[in-house]
PDB file of N, CA and C in Angstrom:
ATOM      1  N   UNK A   1     184.804 217.114   0.004  1.00  0.00           N
ATOM      2  CA  UNK A   1     185.242 218.263  -0.803  1.00  0.00           C
ATOM      3  C   UNK A   1     184.667 219.555   0.022  1.00  0.00           C
ATOM      4  N   UNK A   2     185.039 219.830   1.099  1.00  0.00           N
ATOM      5  CA  UNK A   2     184.623 221.011   1.806  1.00  0.00           C
ATOM      6  C   UNK A   2     185.013 222.343   1.086  1.00  0.00           C
ATOM      7  N   UNK A   3     185.949 222.471   0.400  1.00  0.00           N
ATOM      8  CA  UNK A   3     186.311 223.719  -0.157  1.00  0.00           C
ATOM      9  C   UNK A   3     185.990 223.815  -1.533  1.00  0.00           C
ATOM     10  N   UNK A   4     185.156 223.028  -2.112  1.00  0.00           N
ATOM     11  CA  UNK A   4     184.794 223.131  -3.499  1.00  0.00           C
ATOM     12  C   UNK A   4     183.773 224.125  -3.562  1.00  0.00           C
ATOM     13  N   UNK A   5     183.712 225.040  -4.633  1.00  0.00           N
ATOM     14  CA  UNK A   5     182.663 225.856  -5.004  1.00  0.00           C
ATOM     15  C   UNK A   5     181.293 225.186  -5.204  1.00  0.00           C
ATOM     16  N   UNK A   6     180.326 225.818  -4.686  1.00  0.00           N
ATOM     17  CA  UNK A   6     178.845 225.450  -5.098  1.00  0.00           C
ATOM     18  C   UNK A   6     178.618 225.461  -6.449  1.00  0.00           C
ATOM     19  N   UNK A   7     178.077 224.485  -7.073  1.00  0.00           N
ATOM     20  CA  UNK A   7     177.559 224.549  -8.444  1.00  0.00           C
ATOM     21  C   UNK A   7     176.089 224.131  -8.695  1.00  0.00           C
ATOM     22  N   UNK A   8     175.627 224.855  -9.625  1.00  0.00           N
ATOM     23  CA  UNK A   8     174.187 224.537  -9.929  1.00  0.00           C
ATOM     24  C   UNK A   8     174.027 223.879 -11.275  1.00  0.00           C
ATOM     25  N   UNK A   9     173.312 222.785 -11.370  1.00  0.00           N
ATOM     26  CA  UNK A   9     173.096 222.026 -12.489  1.00  0.00           C
ATOM     27  C   UNK A   9     171.786 222.234 -13.100  1.00  0.00           C
ATOM     28  N   UNK A  10     171.837 222.583 -14.451  1.00  0.00           N
ATOM     29  CA  UNK A  10     170.512 222.628 -15.164  1.00  0.00           C
ATOM     30  C   UNK A  10     170.476 221.707 -16.286  1.00  0.00           C
ATOM     31  N   UNK A  11     169.384 220.777 -16.440  1.00  0.00           N
ATOM     32  CA  UNK A  11     169.218 219.920 -17.285  1.00  0.00           C
ATOM     33  C   UNK A  11     168.217 220.328 -18.222  1.00  0.00           C
ATOM     34  N   UNK A  12     168.234 220.047 -19.537  1.00  0.00           N
ATOM     35  CA  UNK A  12     167.426 220.110 -20.579  1.00  0.00           C
ATOM     36  C   UNK A  12     166.904 218.962 -21.216  1.00  0.00           C
ATOM     37  N   UNK A  13     165.643 218.696 -21.360  1.00  0.00           N
ATOM     38  CA  UNK A  13     165.251 217.432 -22.036  1.00  0.00           C
ATOM     39  C   UNK A  13     164.519 217.737 -23.417  1.00  0.00           C
ATOM     40  N   UNK A  14     164.615 216.732 -24.327  1.00  0.00           N
ATOM     41  CA  UNK A  14     163.869 216.925 -25.569  1.00  0.00           C
ATOM     42  C   UNK A  14     164.865 216.897 -26.669  1.00  0.00           C
ATOM     43  N   UNK A  15     164.404 217.313 -27.791  1.00  0.00           N
ATOM     44  CA  UNK A  15     165.216 217.304 -29.059  1.00  0.00           C
ATOM     45  C   UNK A  15     165.065 215.977 -29.818  1.00  0.00           C
ATOM     46  N   UNK A  16     165.312 216.028 -30.960  1.00  0.00           N
ATOM     47  CA  UNK A  16     165.166 214.977 -31.871  1.00  0.00           C
ATOM     48  C   UNK A  16     166.392 214.881 -32.699  1.00  0.00           C
ATOM     49  N   UNK A  17     167.043 213.743 -32.835  1.00  0.00           N
ATOM     50  CA  UNK A  17     168.340 213.822 -33.661  1.00  0.00           C
ATOM     51  C   UNK A  17     167.961 213.837 -35.173  1.00  0.00           C
ATOM     52  N   UNK A  18     168.635 214.458 -35.844  1.00  0.00           N
ATOM     53  CA  UNK A  18     168.507 214.596 -37.439  1.00  0.00           C
ATOM     54  C   UNK A  18     169.539 213.522 -38.168  1.00  0.00           C
ATOM     55  N   UNK A  19     170.538 213.341 -37.434  1.00  0.00           N
ATOM     56  CA  UNK A  19     171.390 212.556 -38.208  1.00  0.00           C
ATOM     57  C   UNK A  19     171.726 211.377 -37.237  1.00  0.00           C
ATOM     58  N   UNK A  20     171.307 210.163 -37.521  1.00  0.00           N
ATOM     59  CA  UNK A  20     171.316 208.930 -36.555  1.00  0.00           C
ATOM     60  C   UNK A  20     172.671 208.224 -36.955  1.00  0.00           C
ATOM     61  N   UNK A  21     173.357 208.635 -38.042  1.00  0.00           N
ATOM     62  CA  UNK A  21     174.687 207.850 -38.284  1.00  0.00           C
ATOM     63  C   UNK A  21     175.811 208.361 -37.469  1.00  0.00           C
ATOM     64  N   UNK A  22     175.833 209.561 -36.904  1.00  0.00           N
ATOM     65  CA  UNK A  22     176.824 210.041 -36.104  1.00  0.00           C
ATOM     66  C   UNK A  22     176.242 210.517 -34.820  1.00  0.00           C
ATOM     67  N   UNK A  23     176.406 209.672 -33.676  1.00  0.00           N
ATOM     68  CA  UNK A  23     175.724 210.060 -32.411  1.00  0.00           C
ATOM     69  C   UNK A  23     176.370 211.324 -31.800  1.00  0.00           C
ATOM     70  N   UNK A  24     177.508 211.857 -32.039  1.00  0.00           N
ATOM     71  CA  UNK A  24     178.029 212.915 -31.400  1.00  0.00           C
ATOM     72  C   UNK A  24     178.122 214.234 -32.534  1.00  0.00           C
ATOM     73  N   UNK A  25     177.413 214.092 -33.567  1.00  0.00           N
ATOM     74  CA  UNK A  25     177.483 215.115 -34.486  1.00  0.00           C
ATOM     75  C   UNK A  25     176.499 216.326 -33.888  1.00  0.00           C
ATOM     76  N   UNK A  26     176.746 217.362 -34.635  1.00  0.00           N
ATOM     77  CA  UNK A  26     175.919 218.669 -34.251  1.00  0.00           C
ATOM     78  C   UNK A  26     174.430 218.536 -34.604  1.00  0.00           C
ATOM     79  N   UNK A  27     174.106 217.520 -35.321  1.00  0.00           N
ATOM     80  CA  UNK A  27     172.748 217.247 -35.738  1.00  0.00           C
ATOM     81  C   UNK A  27     171.985 216.066 -34.888  1.00  0.00           C
ATOM     82  N   UNK A  28     172.813 215.898 -33.771  1.00  0.00           N
ATOM     83  CA  UNK A  28     172.112 214.883 -32.885  1.00  0.00           C
ATOM     84  C   UNK A  28     171.995 215.262 -31.402  1.00  0.00           C
ATOM     85  N   UNK A  29     171.765 214.472 -30.502  1.00  0.00           N
ATOM     86  CA  UNK A  29     171.510 214.886 -29.214  1.00  0.00           C
ATOM     87  C   UNK A  29     172.729 215.778 -28.617  1.00  0.00           C
ATOM     88  N   UNK A  30     173.897 215.378 -28.806  1.00  0.00           N
ATOM     89  CA  UNK A  30     175.037 216.290 -28.335  1.00  0.00           C
ATOM     90  C   UNK A  30     175.153 217.722 -29.018  1.00  0.00           C
ATOM     91  N   UNK A  31     174.503 217.840 -30.133  1.00  0.00           N
ATOM     92  CA  UNK A  31     174.413 219.129 -30.634  1.00  0.00           C
ATOM     93  C   UNK A  31     173.050 220.016 -30.227  1.00  0.00           C
ATOM     94  N   UNK A  32     172.451 219.473 -29.239  1.00  0.00           N
ATOM     95  CA  UNK A  32     171.213 220.071 -29.012  1.00  0.00           C
ATOM     96  C   UNK A  32     170.182 220.352 -29.934  1.00  0.00           C
ATOM     97  N   UNK A  33     170.125 219.177 -30.975  1.00  0.00           N
ATOM     98  CA  UNK A  33     169.286 219.377 -32.178  1.00  0.00           C
ATOM     99  C   UNK A  33     167.653 219.373 -31.625  1.00  0.00           C
ATOM    100  N   UNK A  34     166.982 220.422 -32.121  1.00  0.00           N
ATOM    101  CA  UNK A  34     165.556 220.423 -31.741  1.00  0.00           C
ATOM    102  C   UNK A  34     165.321 221.351 -30.340  1.00  0.00           C
ATOM    103  N   UNK A  35     166.323 221.598 -29.720  1.00  0.00           N
ATOM    104  CA  UNK A  35     166.216 222.377 -28.450  1.00  0.00           C
ATOM    105  C   UNK A  35     167.303 223.587 -28.369  1.00  0.00           C
ATOM    106  N   UNK A  36     167.620 223.859 -29.585  1.00  0.00           N
ATOM    107  CA  UNK A  36     168.591 225.024 -29.771  1.00  0.00           C
ATOM    108  C   UNK A  36     168.158 226.351 -29.125  1.00  0.00           C
ATOM    109  N   UNK A  37     166.996 226.664 -29.060  1.00  0.00           N
ATOM    110  CA  UNK A  37     166.488 227.962 -28.734  1.00  0.00           C
ATOM    111  C   UNK A  37     166.467 227.857 -26.991  1.00  0.00           C
ATOM    112  N   UNK A  38     166.092 226.830 -26.611  1.00  0.00           N
ATOM    113  CA  UNK A  38     165.987 226.628 -25.167  1.00  0.00           C
ATOM    114  C   UNK A  38     167.355 226.670 -24.557  1.00  0.00           C
ATOM    115  N   UNK A  39     168.302 225.986 -25.243  1.00  0.00           N
ATOM    116  CA  UNK A  39     169.745 225.931 -24.659  1.00  0.00           C
ATOM    117  C   UNK A  39     170.304 227.390 -24.714  1.00  0.00           C
ATOM    118  N   UNK A  40     170.049 227.984 -25.912  1.00  0.00           N
ATOM    119  CA  UNK A  40     170.659 229.368 -25.901  1.00  0.00           C
ATOM    120  C   UNK A  40     170.074 230.261 -24.980  1.00  0.00           C
ATOM    121  N   UNK A  41     168.911 230.063 -24.651  1.00  0.00           N
ATOM    122  CA  UNK A  41     168.118 230.884 -23.669  1.00  0.00           C
ATOM    123  C   UNK A  41     168.683 230.568 -22.348  1.00  0.00           C
ATOM    124  N   UNK A  42     168.881 229.413 -22.047  1.00  0.00           N
ATOM    125  CA  UNK A  42     169.515 228.908 -20.660  1.00  0.00           C
ATOM    126  C   UNK A  42     170.969 229.658 -20.445  1.00  0.00           C
ATOM    127  N   UNK A  43     171.662 229.532 -21.629  1.00  0.00           N
ATOM    128  CA  UNK A  43     173.247 229.930 -21.481  1.00  0.00           C
ATOM    129  C   UNK A  43     173.113 231.411 -21.353  1.00  0.00           C
ATOM    130  N   UNK A  44     172.290 232.218 -21.915  1.00  0.00           N
ATOM    131  CA  UNK A  44     172.066 233.642 -21.760  1.00  0.00           C
ATOM    132  C   UNK A  44     171.757 233.974 -20.492  1.00  0.00           C
ATOM    133  N   UNK A  45     170.803 233.337 -19.805  1.00  0.00           N
ATOM    134  CA  UNK A  45     170.222 233.664 -18.454  1.00  0.00           C
ATOM    135  C   UNK A  45     171.424 233.244 -17.447  1.00  0.00           C
ATOM    136  N   UNK A  46     172.171 232.439 -17.599  1.00  0.00           N
ATOM    137  CA  UNK A  46     173.312 232.016 -16.776  1.00  0.00           C
ATOM    138  C   UNK A  46     174.325 232.963 -16.886  1.00  0.00           C
ATOM    139  N   UNK A  47     174.612 233.522 -18.030  1.00  0.00           N
ATOM    140  CA  UNK A  47     175.680 234.538 -18.234  1.00  0.00           C
ATOM    141  C   UNK A  47     175.242 235.844 -17.624  1.00  0.00           C
ATOM    142  N   UNK A  48     173.909 236.265 -17.831  1.00  0.00           N
ATOM    143  CA  UNK A  48     173.423 237.466 -17.216  1.00  0.00           C
ATOM    144  C   UNK A  48     173.572 237.332 -15.781  1.00  0.00           C
ATOM    145  N   UNK A  49     173.193 236.222 -14.971  1.00  0.00           N
ATOM    146  CA  UNK A  49     173.257 236.143 -13.708  1.00  0.00           C
ATOM    147  C   UNK A  49     174.598 236.211 -13.051  1.00  0.00           C
ATOM    148  N   UNK A  50     175.767 235.966 -14.033  1.00  0.00           N
ATOM    149  CA  UNK A  50     177.118 236.178 -13.497  1.00  0.00           C
ATOM    150  C   UNK A  50     177.682 237.557 -13.470  1.00  0.00           C
ATOM    151  N   UNK A  51     176.849 238.573 -13.735  1.00  0.00           N
ATOM    152  CA  UNK A  51     177.150 239.934 -13.623  1.00  0.00           C
ATOM    153  C   UNK A  51     177.130 240.520 -12.431  1.00  0.00           C
TER     154      UNK A  51
END
């Protein structure tokens, strides 16, 4: 893929599920439960870097 744009991957670890019945709910890992602030800060930093 020679012409594909370069991308940067940022991973975040941590968080604790609050709802173990639904693995894809907002209160589980896919909803960034427990690391909400860290995720929002990472998104804001990425958006500001795009200016």
